[in-house]
Amino acid sequence: MIKAIVMIQATVDSIPETAQAIADVECVDEVYSCAGDVDLIAVITVREHEELATIIPGKISKIPGVLATDTHIAFRSYSRQDTEAAFSIGAETTD
């Protein structure tokens, strides 16, 4: 699976409606409103890179209130669970 993180600039007065419309797009897992350089961040999961071309410029960019997008493709995922599992390999205890 391919994960993409999409940074979205949106019109300020329509952020809640824009965020909900983005969340309703197929393959969008989550949408966050945030402070800082971007207004919304969407997390997308697809099977093929070509699907991103359909979803981001073809759907998300056309949603009213979306001004611009900046897409980042995830190469690898790190989490606390993954780290703990890696360090516990071979550390079984015998009682």
PDB file of N, CA and C in Angstrom:
ATOM      1  N   MET A   1       0.837  -1.183   0.000  1.00  0.00           N
ATOM      2  CA  MET A   1       0.000   0.000   0.000  1.00  0.00           C
ATOM      3  C   MET A   1       0.877   1.240   0.000  1.00  0.00           C
ATOM      4  N   ILE A   2       0.423   2.261  -0.669  1.00  0.00           N
ATOM      5  CA  ILE A   2       1.141   3.524  -0.773  1.00  0.00           C
ATOM      6  C   ILE A   2       0.413   4.567   0.059  1.00  0.00           C
ATOM      7  N   LYS A   3       1.163   5.232   0.930  1.00  0.00           N
ATOM      8  CA  LYS A   3       0.604   6.304   1.756  1.00  0.00           C
ATOM      9  C   LYS A   3       1.094   7.635   1.208  1.00  0.00           C
ATOM     10  N   ALA A   4       0.162   8.572   1.106  1.00  0.00           N
ATOM     11  CA  ALA A   4       0.506   9.933   0.715  1.00  0.00           C
ATOM     12  C   ALA A   4      -0.028  10.885   1.773  1.00  0.00           C
ATOM     13  N   ILE A   5       0.772  11.880   2.081  1.00  0.00           N
ATOM     14  CA  ILE A   5       0.368  12.924   3.011  1.00  0.00           C
ATOM     15  C   ILE A   5       0.218  14.181   2.169  1.00  0.00           C
ATOM     16  N   VAL A   6      -0.981  14.748   2.176  1.00  0.00           N
ATOM     17  CA  VAL A   6      -1.269  15.897   1.318  1.00  0.00           C
ATOM     18  C   VAL A   6      -1.484  17.127   2.196  1.00  0.00           C
ATOM     19  N   MET A   7      -0.620  18.121   2.017  1.00  0.00           N
ATOM     20  CA  MET A   7      -0.748  19.402   2.708  1.00  0.00           C
ATOM     21  C   MET A   7      -1.657  20.270   1.850  1.00  0.00           C
ATOM     22  N   ILE A   8      -2.684  20.851   2.464  1.00  0.00           N
ATOM     23  CA  ILE A   8      -3.698  21.566   1.688  1.00  0.00           C
ATOM     24  C   ILE A   8      -3.878  22.987   2.206  1.00  0.00           C
ATOM     25  N   GLN A   9      -3.794  23.946   1.295  1.00  0.00           N
ATOM     26  CA  GLN A   9      -4.141  25.330   1.585  1.00  0.00           C
ATOM     27  C   GLN A   9      -5.623  25.472   1.258  1.00  0.00           C
ATOM     28  N   ALA A  10      -6.381  26.073   2.168  1.00  0.00           N
ATOM     29  CA  ALA A  10      -7.821  26.213   1.961  1.00  0.00           C
ATOM     30  C   ALA A  10      -8.266  27.622   2.318  1.00  0.00           C
ATOM     31  N   THR A  11      -9.406  28.017   1.775  1.00  0.00           N
ATOM     32  CA  THR A  11      -9.958  29.303   2.159  1.00  0.00           C
ATOM     33  C   THR A  11     -10.395  29.208   3.622  1.00  0.00           C
ATOM     34  N   VAL A  12     -10.014  30.199   4.407  1.00  0.00           N
ATOM     35  CA  VAL A  12     -10.215  30.159   5.854  1.00  0.00           C
ATOM     36  C   VAL A  12     -11.678  30.001   6.248  1.00  0.00           C
ATOM     37  N   ASP A  13     -12.559  30.668   5.554  1.00  0.00           N
ATOM     38  CA  ASP A  13     -13.965  30.635   5.953  1.00  0.00           C
ATOM     39  C   ASP A  13     -14.684  29.342   5.587  1.00  0.00           C
ATOM     40  N   SER A  14     -14.008  28.437   4.872  1.00  0.00           N
ATOM     41  CA  SER A  14     -14.674  27.185   4.491  1.00  0.00           C
ATOM     42  C   SER A  14     -13.910  25.939   4.930  1.00  0.00           C
ATOM     43  N   ILE A  15     -13.011  26.071   5.894  1.00  0.00           N
ATOM     44  CA  ILE A  15     -12.186  24.925   6.301  1.00  0.00           C
ATOM     45  C   ILE A  15     -13.021  23.729   6.772  1.00  0.00           C
ATOM     46  N   PRO A  16     -14.014  23.889   7.641  1.00  0.00           N
ATOM     47  CA  PRO A  16     -14.764  22.696   8.076  1.00  0.00           C
ATOM     48  C   PRO A  16     -15.467  21.973   6.923  1.00  0.00           C
ATOM     49  N   GLU A  17     -16.109  22.725   6.031  1.00  0.00           N
ATOM     50  CA  GLU A  17     -16.809  22.105   4.895  1.00  0.00           C
ATOM     51  C   GLU A  17     -15.827  21.483   3.914  1.00  0.00           C
ATOM     52  N   THR A  18     -14.716  22.163   3.692  1.00  0.00           N
ATOM     53  CA  THR A  18     -13.689  21.640   2.779  1.00  0.00           C
ATOM     54  C   THR A  18     -13.092  20.364   3.346  1.00  0.00           C
ATOM     55  N   ALA A  19     -12.795  20.365   4.638  1.00  0.00           N
ATOM     56  CA  ALA A  19     -12.223  19.177   5.277  1.00  0.00           C
ATOM     57  C   ALA A  19     -13.174  17.993   5.174  1.00  0.00           C
ATOM     58  N   GLN A  20     -14.458  18.214   5.394  1.00  0.00           N
ATOM     59  CA  GLN A  20     -15.432  17.120   5.308  1.00  0.00           C
ATOM     60  C   GLN A  20     -15.554  16.602   3.885  1.00  0.00           C
ATOM     61  N   ALA A  21     -15.542  17.500   2.915  1.00  0.00           N
ATOM     62  CA  ALA A  21     -15.617  17.070   1.510  1.00  0.00           C
ATOM     63  C   ALA A  21     -14.391  16.241   1.131  1.00  0.00           C
ATOM     64  N   ILE A  22     -13.223  16.620   1.641  1.00  0.00           N
ATOM     65  CA  ILE A  22     -12.002  15.842   1.375  1.00  0.00           C
ATOM     66  C   ILE A  22     -12.107  14.480   2.062  1.00  0.00           C
ATOM     67  N   ALA A  23     -12.587  14.456   3.295  1.00  0.00           N
ATOM     68  CA  ALA A  23     -12.721  13.200   4.037  1.00  0.00           C
ATOM     69  C   ALA A  23     -13.665  12.231   3.333  1.00  0.00           C
ATOM     70  N   ASP A  24     -14.609  12.761   2.567  1.00  0.00           N
ATOM     71  CA  ASP A  24     -15.573  11.927   1.853  1.00  0.00           C
ATOM     72  C   ASP A  24     -15.022  11.334   0.553  1.00  0.00           C
ATOM     73  N   VAL A  25     -13.826  11.757   0.137  1.00  0.00           N
ATOM     74  CA  VAL A  25     -13.212  11.244  -1.095  1.00  0.00           C
ATOM     75  C   VAL A  25     -12.686   9.833  -0.836  1.00  0.00           C
ATOM     76  N   GLU A  26     -12.935   8.943  -1.787  1.00  0.00           N
ATOM     77  CA  GLU A  26     -12.455   7.564  -1.694  1.00  0.00           C
ATOM     78  C   GLU A  26     -10.942   7.538  -1.492  1.00  0.00           C
ATOM     79  N   CYS A  27     -10.471   6.668  -0.628  1.00  0.00           N
ATOM     80  CA  CYS A  27      -9.059   6.443  -0.302  1.00  0.00           C
ATOM     81  C   CYS A  27      -8.476   7.466   0.677  1.00  0.00           C
ATOM     82  N   VAL A  28      -9.243   8.462   1.085  1.00  0.00           N
ATOM     83  CA  VAL A  28      -8.771   9.402   2.100  1.00  0.00           C
ATOM     84  C   VAL A  28      -9.048   8.768   3.458  1.00  0.00           C
ATOM     85  N   ASP A  29      -7.982   8.532   4.230  1.00  0.00           N
ATOM     86  CA  ASP A  29      -8.105   7.886   5.539  1.00  0.00           C
ATOM     87  C   ASP A  29      -8.477   8.879   6.633  1.00  0.00           C
ATOM     88  N   GLU A  30      -7.794  10.028   6.632  1.00  0.00           N
ATOM     89  CA  GLU A  30      -7.987  11.017   7.685  1.00  0.00           C
ATOM     90  C   GLU A  30      -7.732  12.402   7.124  1.00  0.00           C
ATOM     91  N   VAL A  31      -8.386  13.382   7.732  1.00  0.00           N
ATOM     92  CA  VAL A  31      -8.127  14.786   7.403  1.00  0.00           C
ATOM     93  C   VAL A  31      -7.999  15.535   8.719  1.00  0.00           C
ATOM     94  N   TYR A  32      -6.933  16.311   8.845  1.00  0.00           N
ATOM     95  CA  TYR A  32      -6.688  17.089  10.054  1.00  0.00           C
ATOM     96  C   TYR A  32      -6.688  18.576   9.719  1.00  0.00           C
ATOM     97  N   SER A  33      -7.353  19.384  10.521  1.00  0.00           N
ATOM     98  CA  SER A  33      -7.171  20.823  10.424  1.00  0.00           C
ATOM     99  C   SER A  33      -6.037  21.159  11.378  1.00  0.00           C
ATOM    100  N   CYS A  34      -5.202  22.108  11.004  1.00  0.00           N
ATOM    101  CA  CYS A  34      -4.035  22.376  11.826  1.00  0.00           C
ATOM    102  C   CYS A  34      -3.592  23.827  11.712  1.00  0.00           C
ATOM    103  N   ALA A  35      -2.770  24.214  12.642  1.00  0.00           N
ATOM    104  CA  ALA A  35      -2.173  25.545  12.627  1.00  0.00           C
ATOM    105  C   ALA A  35      -0.820  25.447  11.943  1.00  0.00           C
ATOM    106  N   GLY A  36      -0.367  26.547  11.411  1.00  0.00           N
ATOM    107  CA  GLY A  36       0.943  26.550  10.772  1.00  0.00           C
ATOM    108  C   GLY A  36       0.842  26.925   9.309  1.00  0.00           C
ATOM    109  N   ASP A  37       1.738  26.376   8.515  1.00  0.00           N
ATOM    110  CA  ASP A  37       1.848  26.733   7.103  1.00  0.00           C
ATOM    111  C   ASP A  37       0.724  26.180   6.238  1.00  0.00           C
ATOM    112  N   VAL A  38       0.053  25.146   6.705  1.00  0.00           N
ATOM    113  CA  VAL A  38      -1.040  24.558   5.938  1.00  0.00           C
ATOM    114  C   VAL A  38      -2.317  24.575   6.764  1.00  0.00           C
ATOM    115  N   ASP A  39      -3.437  24.503   6.086  1.00  0.00           N
ATOM    116  CA  ASP A  39      -4.723  24.523   6.775  1.00  0.00           C
ATOM    117  C   ASP A  39      -5.234  23.128   7.084  1.00  0.00           C
ATOM    118  N   LEU A  40      -5.010  22.202   6.147  1.00  0.00           N
ATOM    119  CA  LEU A  40      -5.492  20.826   6.288  1.00  0.00           C
ATOM    120  C   LEU A  40      -4.395  19.854   5.882  1.00  0.00           C
ATOM    121  N   ILE A  41      -4.398  18.691   6.507  1.00  0.00           N
ATOM    122  CA  ILE A  41      -3.509  17.602   6.103  1.00  0.00           C
ATOM    123  C   ILE A  41      -4.377  16.370   5.902  1.00  0.00           C
ATOM    124  N   ALA A  42      -4.254  15.758   4.728  1.00  0.00           N
ATOM    125  CA  ALA A  42      -5.008  14.545   4.420  1.00  0.00           C
ATOM    126  C   ALA A  42      -4.037  13.378   4.281  1.00  0.00           C
ATOM    127  N   VAL A  43      -4.436  12.237   4.811  1.00  0.00           N
ATOM    128  CA  VAL A  43      -3.661  11.006   4.666  1.00  0.00           C
ATOM    129  C   VAL A  43      -4.441  10.097   3.722  1.00  0.00           C
ATOM    130  N   ILE A  44      -3.762   9.660   2.682  1.00  0.00           N
ATOM    131  CA  ILE A  44      -4.397   8.869   1.624  1.00  0.00           C
ATOM    132  C   ILE A  44      -3.665   7.538   1.493  1.00  0.00           C
ATOM    133  N   THR A  45      -4.414   6.465   1.292  1.00  0.00           N
ATOM    134  CA  THR A  45      -3.828   5.150   1.048  1.00  0.00           C
ATOM    135  C   THR A  45      -4.352   4.614  -0.269  1.00  0.00           C
ATOM    136  N   VAL A  46      -3.417   4.243  -1.164  1.00  0.00           N
ATOM    137  CA  VAL A  46      -3.781   3.678  -2.464  1.00  0.00           C
ATOM    138  C   VAL A  46      -2.898   2.462  -2.750  1.00  0.00           C
ATOM    139  N   ARG A  47      -3.297   1.697  -3.742  1.00  0.00           N
ATOM    140  CA  ARG A  47      -2.501   0.532  -4.146  1.00  0.00           C
ATOM    141  C   ARG A  47      -1.480   0.883  -5.226  1.00  0.00           C
ATOM    142  N   GLU A  48      -1.813   1.821  -6.093  1.00  0.00           N
ATOM    143  CA  GLU A  48      -0.960   2.184  -7.229  1.00  0.00           C
ATOM    144  C   GLU A  48      -0.708   3.689  -7.224  1.00  0.00           C
ATOM    145  N   HIS A  49       0.486   4.096  -7.615  1.00  0.00           N
ATOM    146  CA  HIS A  49       0.809   5.522  -7.681  1.00  0.00           C
ATOM    147  C   HIS A  49      -0.148   6.281  -8.607  1.00  0.00           C
ATOM    148  N   GLU A  50      -0.577   5.638  -9.672  1.00  0.00           N
ATOM    149  CA  GLU A  50      -1.462   6.286 -10.637  1.00  0.00           C
ATOM    150  C   GLU A  50      -2.779   6.738  -9.995  1.00  0.00           C
ATOM    151  N   GLU A  51      -3.211   6.042  -8.948  1.00  0.00           N
ATOM    152  CA  GLU A  51      -4.444   6.428  -8.263  1.00  0.00           C
ATOM    153  C   GLU A  51      -4.324   7.810  -7.630  1.00  0.00           C
ATOM    154  N   LEU A  52      -3.112   8.173  -7.227  1.00  0.00           N
ATOM    155  CA  LEU A  52      -2.915   9.499  -6.639  1.00  0.00           C
ATOM    156  C   LEU A  52      -3.220  10.594  -7.644  1.00  0.00           C
ATOM    157  N   ALA A  53      -2.907  10.344  -8.917  1.00  0.00           N
ATOM    158  CA  ALA A  53      -3.201  11.329  -9.964  1.00  0.00           C
ATOM    159  C   ALA A  53      -4.696  11.515 -10.150  1.00  0.00           C
ATOM    160  N   THR A  54      -5.437  10.477  -9.905  1.00  0.00           N
ATOM    161  CA  THR A  54      -6.896  10.572  -9.998  1.00  0.00           C
ATOM    162  C   THR A  54      -7.472  11.283  -8.779  1.00  0.00           C
ATOM    163  N   ILE A  55      -6.957  10.947  -7.607  1.00  0.00           N
ATOM    164  CA  ILE A  55      -7.525  11.457  -6.365  1.00  0.00           C
ATOM    165  C   ILE A  55      -7.126  12.898  -6.067  1.00  0.00           C
ATOM    166  N   ILE A  56      -5.838  13.218  -6.182  1.00  0.00           N
ATOM    167  CA  ILE A  56      -5.391  14.542  -5.724  1.00  0.00           C
ATOM    168  C   ILE A  56      -5.748  15.640  -6.729  1.00  0.00           C
ATOM    169  N   PRO A  57      -5.189  15.646  -7.933  1.00  0.00           N
ATOM    170  CA  PRO A  57      -5.598  16.724  -8.845  1.00  0.00           C
ATOM    171  C   PRO A  57      -7.000  16.527  -9.410  1.00  0.00           C
ATOM    172  N   GLY A  58      -7.423  15.275  -9.520  1.00  0.00           N
ATOM    173  CA  GLY A  58      -8.720  14.992 -10.127  1.00  0.00           C
ATOM    174  C   GLY A  58      -9.914  15.199  -9.218  1.00  0.00           C
ATOM    175  N   LYS A  59      -9.721  15.053  -7.906  1.00  0.00           N
ATOM    176  CA  LYS A  59     -10.843  15.185  -6.971  1.00  0.00           C
ATOM    177  C   LYS A  59     -10.580  16.242  -5.904  1.00  0.00           C
ATOM    178  N   ILE A  60      -9.521  16.051  -5.110  1.00  0.00           N
ATOM    179  CA  ILE A  60      -9.277  16.956  -3.985  1.00  0.00           C
ATOM    180  C   ILE A  60      -9.060  18.396  -4.449  1.00  0.00           C
ATOM    181  N   SER A  61      -8.248  18.595  -5.461  1.00  0.00           N
ATOM    182  CA  SER A  61      -7.963  19.962  -5.931  1.00  0.00           C
ATOM    183  C   SER A  61      -9.188  20.671  -6.488  1.00  0.00           C
ATOM    184  N   LYS A  62     -10.193  19.908  -6.871  1.00  0.00           N
ATOM    185  CA  LYS A  62     -11.411  20.490  -7.447  1.00  0.00           C
ATOM    186  C   LYS A  62     -12.494  20.778  -6.410  1.00  0.00           C
ATOM    187  N   ILE A  63     -12.238  20.422  -5.162  1.00  0.00           N
ATOM    188  CA  ILE A  63     -13.216  20.682  -4.105  1.00  0.00           C
ATOM    189  C   ILE A  63     -13.246  22.174  -3.806  1.00  0.00           C
ATOM    190  N   PRO A  64     -14.439  22.774  -3.736  1.00  0.00           N
ATOM    191  CA  PRO A  64     -14.527  24.194  -3.402  1.00  0.00           C
ATOM    192  C   PRO A  64     -13.842  24.483  -2.063  1.00  0.00           C
ATOM    193  N   GLY A  65     -13.022  25.509  -2.048  1.00  0.00           N
ATOM    194  CA  GLY A  65     -12.281  25.883  -0.849  1.00  0.00           C
ATOM    195  C   GLY A  65     -10.831  25.453  -0.884  1.00  0.00           C
ATOM    196  N   VAL A  66     -10.467  24.487  -1.733  1.00  0.00           N
ATOM    197  CA  VAL A  66      -9.078  24.059  -1.851  1.00  0.00           C
ATOM    198  C   VAL A  66      -8.344  25.041  -2.755  1.00  0.00           C
ATOM    199  N   LEU A  67      -7.282  25.642  -2.227  1.00  0.00           N
ATOM    200  CA  LEU A  67      -6.494  26.601  -2.995  1.00  0.00           C
ATOM    201  C   LEU A  67      -5.248  25.973  -3.612  1.00  0.00           C
ATOM    202  N   ALA A  68      -4.590  25.072  -2.866  1.00  0.00           N
ATOM    203  CA  ALA A  68      -3.362  24.434  -3.351  1.00  0.00           C
ATOM    204  C   ALA A  68      -3.112  23.166  -2.558  1.00  0.00           C
ATOM    205  N   THR A  69      -2.375  22.237  -3.173  1.00  0.00           N
ATOM    206  CA  THR A  69      -1.981  20.999  -2.494  1.00  0.00           C
ATOM    207  C   THR A  69      -0.481  20.781  -2.670  1.00  0.00           C
ATOM    208  N   ASP A  70       0.105  20.070  -1.724  1.00  0.00           N
ATOM    209  CA  ASP A  70       1.515  19.690  -1.758  1.00  0.00           C
ATOM    210  C   ASP A  70       1.570  18.258  -1.256  1.00  0.00           C
ATOM    211  N   THR A  71       1.929  17.320  -2.124  1.00  0.00           N
ATOM    212  CA  THR A  71       1.842  15.894  -1.809  1.00  0.00           C
ATOM    213  C   THR A  71       3.202  15.316  -1.460  1.00  0.00           C
ATOM    214  N   HIS A  72       3.224  14.514  -0.397  1.00  0.00           N
ATOM    215  CA  HIS A  72       4.433  13.820   0.045  1.00  0.00           C
ATOM    216  C   HIS A  72       4.126  12.332   0.104  1.00  0.00           C
ATOM    217  N   ILE A  73       4.996  11.519  -0.499  1.00  0.00           N
ATOM    218  CA  ILE A  73       4.816  10.071  -0.516  1.00  0.00           C
ATOM    219  C   ILE A  73       5.642   9.468   0.625  1.00  0.00           C
ATOM    220  N   ALA A  74       5.027   8.615   1.421  1.00  0.00           N
ATOM    221  CA  ALA A  74       5.728   7.956   2.527  1.00  0.00           C
ATOM    222  C   ALA A  74       6.511   6.760   1.992  1.00  0.00           C
ATOM    223  N   PHE A  75       7.779   6.647   2.390  1.00  0.00           N
ATOM    224  CA  PHE A  75       8.610   5.508   2.006  1.00  0.00           C
ATOM    225  C   PHE A  75       8.550   4.396   3.045  1.00  0.00           C
ATOM    226  N   ARG A  76       8.531   4.790   4.313  1.00  0.00           N
ATOM    227  CA  ARG A  76       8.584   3.818   5.389  1.00  0.00           C
ATOM    228  C   ARG A  76       7.797   4.370   6.573  1.00  0.00           C
ATOM    229  N   SER A  77       7.226   3.478   7.347  1.00  0.00           N
ATOM    230  CA  SER A  77       6.449   3.872   8.518  1.00  0.00           C
ATOM    231  C   SER A  77       7.201   3.496   9.789  1.00  0.00           C
ATOM    232  N   TYR A  78       7.224   4.398  10.742  1.00  0.00           N
ATOM    233  CA  TYR A  78       7.824   4.143  12.045  1.00  0.00           C
ATOM    234  C   TYR A  78       6.769   4.421  13.103  1.00  0.00           C
ATOM    235  N   SER A  79       6.713   3.576  14.090  1.00  0.00           N
ATOM    236  CA  SER A  79       5.793   3.802  15.188  1.00  0.00           C
ATOM    237  C   SER A  79       6.404   3.241  16.463  1.00  0.00           C
ATOM    238  N   ARG A  80       5.862   3.623  17.591  1.00  0.00           N
ATOM    239  CA  ARG A  80       6.348   3.115  18.874  1.00  0.00           C
ATOM    240  C   ARG A  80       6.192   1.600  18.914  1.00  0.00           C
ATOM    241  N   GLN A  81       5.071   1.103  18.392  1.00  0.00           N
ATOM    242  CA  GLN A  81       4.831  -0.339  18.374  1.00  0.00           C
ATOM    243  C   GLN A  81       5.917  -1.068  17.599  1.00  0.00           C
ATOM    244  N   ASP A  82       6.286  -0.532  16.414  1.00  0.00           N
ATOM    245  CA  ASP A  82       7.326  -1.154  15.599  1.00  0.00           C
ATOM    246  C   ASP A  82       8.663  -1.160  16.330  1.00  0.00           C
ATOM    247  N   THR A  83       8.995  -0.045  16.985  1.00  0.00           N
ATOM    248  CA  THR A  83      10.263   0.067  17.696  1.00  0.00           C
ATOM    249  C   THR A  83      10.320  -0.905  18.866  1.00  0.00           C
ATOM    250  N   GLU A  84       9.249  -0.965  19.633  1.00  0.00           N
ATOM    251  CA  GLU A  84       9.214  -1.893  20.772  1.00  0.00           C
ATOM    252  C   GLU A  84       9.316  -3.334  20.304  1.00  0.00           C
ATOM    253  N   ALA A  85       8.665  -3.681  19.218  1.00  0.00           N
ATOM    254  CA  ALA A  85       8.723  -5.048  18.692  1.00  0.00           C
ATOM    255  C   ALA A  85      10.141  -5.391  18.240  1.00  0.00           C
ATOM    256  N   ALA A  86      10.823  -4.429  17.598  1.00  0.00           N
ATOM    257  CA  ALA A  86      12.175  -4.688  17.113  1.00  0.00           C
ATOM    258  C   ALA A  86      13.144  -4.922  18.264  1.00  0.00           C
ATOM    259  N   PHE A  87      13.008  -4.167  19.348  1.00  0.00           N
ATOM    260  CA  PHE A  87      13.911  -4.317  20.468  1.00  0.00           C
ATOM    261  C   PHE A  87      13.578  -5.504  21.356  1.00  0.00           C
ATOM    262  N   SER A  88      12.413  -6.082  21.194  1.00  0.00           N
ATOM    263  CA  SER A  88      12.039  -7.230  22.016  1.00  0.00           C
ATOM    264  C   SER A  88      12.388  -8.559  21.352  1.00  0.00           C
ATOM    265  N   ILE A  89      12.868  -8.519  20.123  1.00  0.00           N
ATOM    266  CA  ILE A  89      13.226  -9.765  19.432  1.00  0.00           C
ATOM    267  C   ILE A  89      14.363 -10.443  20.190  1.00  0.00           C
ATOM    268  N   GLY A  90      14.175 -11.681  20.511  1.00  0.00           N
ATOM    269  CA  GLY A  90      15.193 -12.445  21.215  1.00  0.00           C
ATOM    270  C   GLY A  90      15.237 -12.177  22.710  1.00  0.00           C
ATOM    271  N   ALA A  91      14.335 -11.382  23.214  1.00  0.00           N
ATOM    272  CA  ALA A  91      14.360 -11.045  24.638  1.00  0.00           C
ATOM    273  C   ALA A  91      13.291 -11.802  25.418  1.00  0.00           C
ATOM    274  N   GLU A  92      12.938 -12.987  24.939  1.00  0.00           N
ATOM    275  CA  GLU A  92      11.942 -13.763  25.649  1.00  0.00           C
ATOM    276  C   GLU A  92      12.500 -14.185  27.008  1.00  0.00           C
ATOM    277  N   THR A  93      11.645 -14.157  27.980  1.00  0.00           N
ATOM    278  CA  THR A  93      12.082 -14.593  29.314  1.00  0.00           C
ATOM    279  C   THR A  93      11.581 -15.990  29.554  1.00  0.00           C
ATOM    280  N   THR A  94      12.345 -16.730  30.332  1.00  0.00           N
ATOM    281  CA  THR A  94      11.919 -18.073  30.706  1.00  0.00           C
ATOM    282  C   THR A  94      11.609 -18.066  32.192  1.00  0.00           C
ATOM    283  N   ASP A  95      10.448 -18.530  32.521  1.00  0.00           N
ATOM    284  CA  ASP A  95      10.037 -18.567  33.923  1.00  0.00           C
ATOM    285  C   ASP A  95      10.069 -19.968  34.445  1.00  0.00           C
TER     286      ASP A  95
END
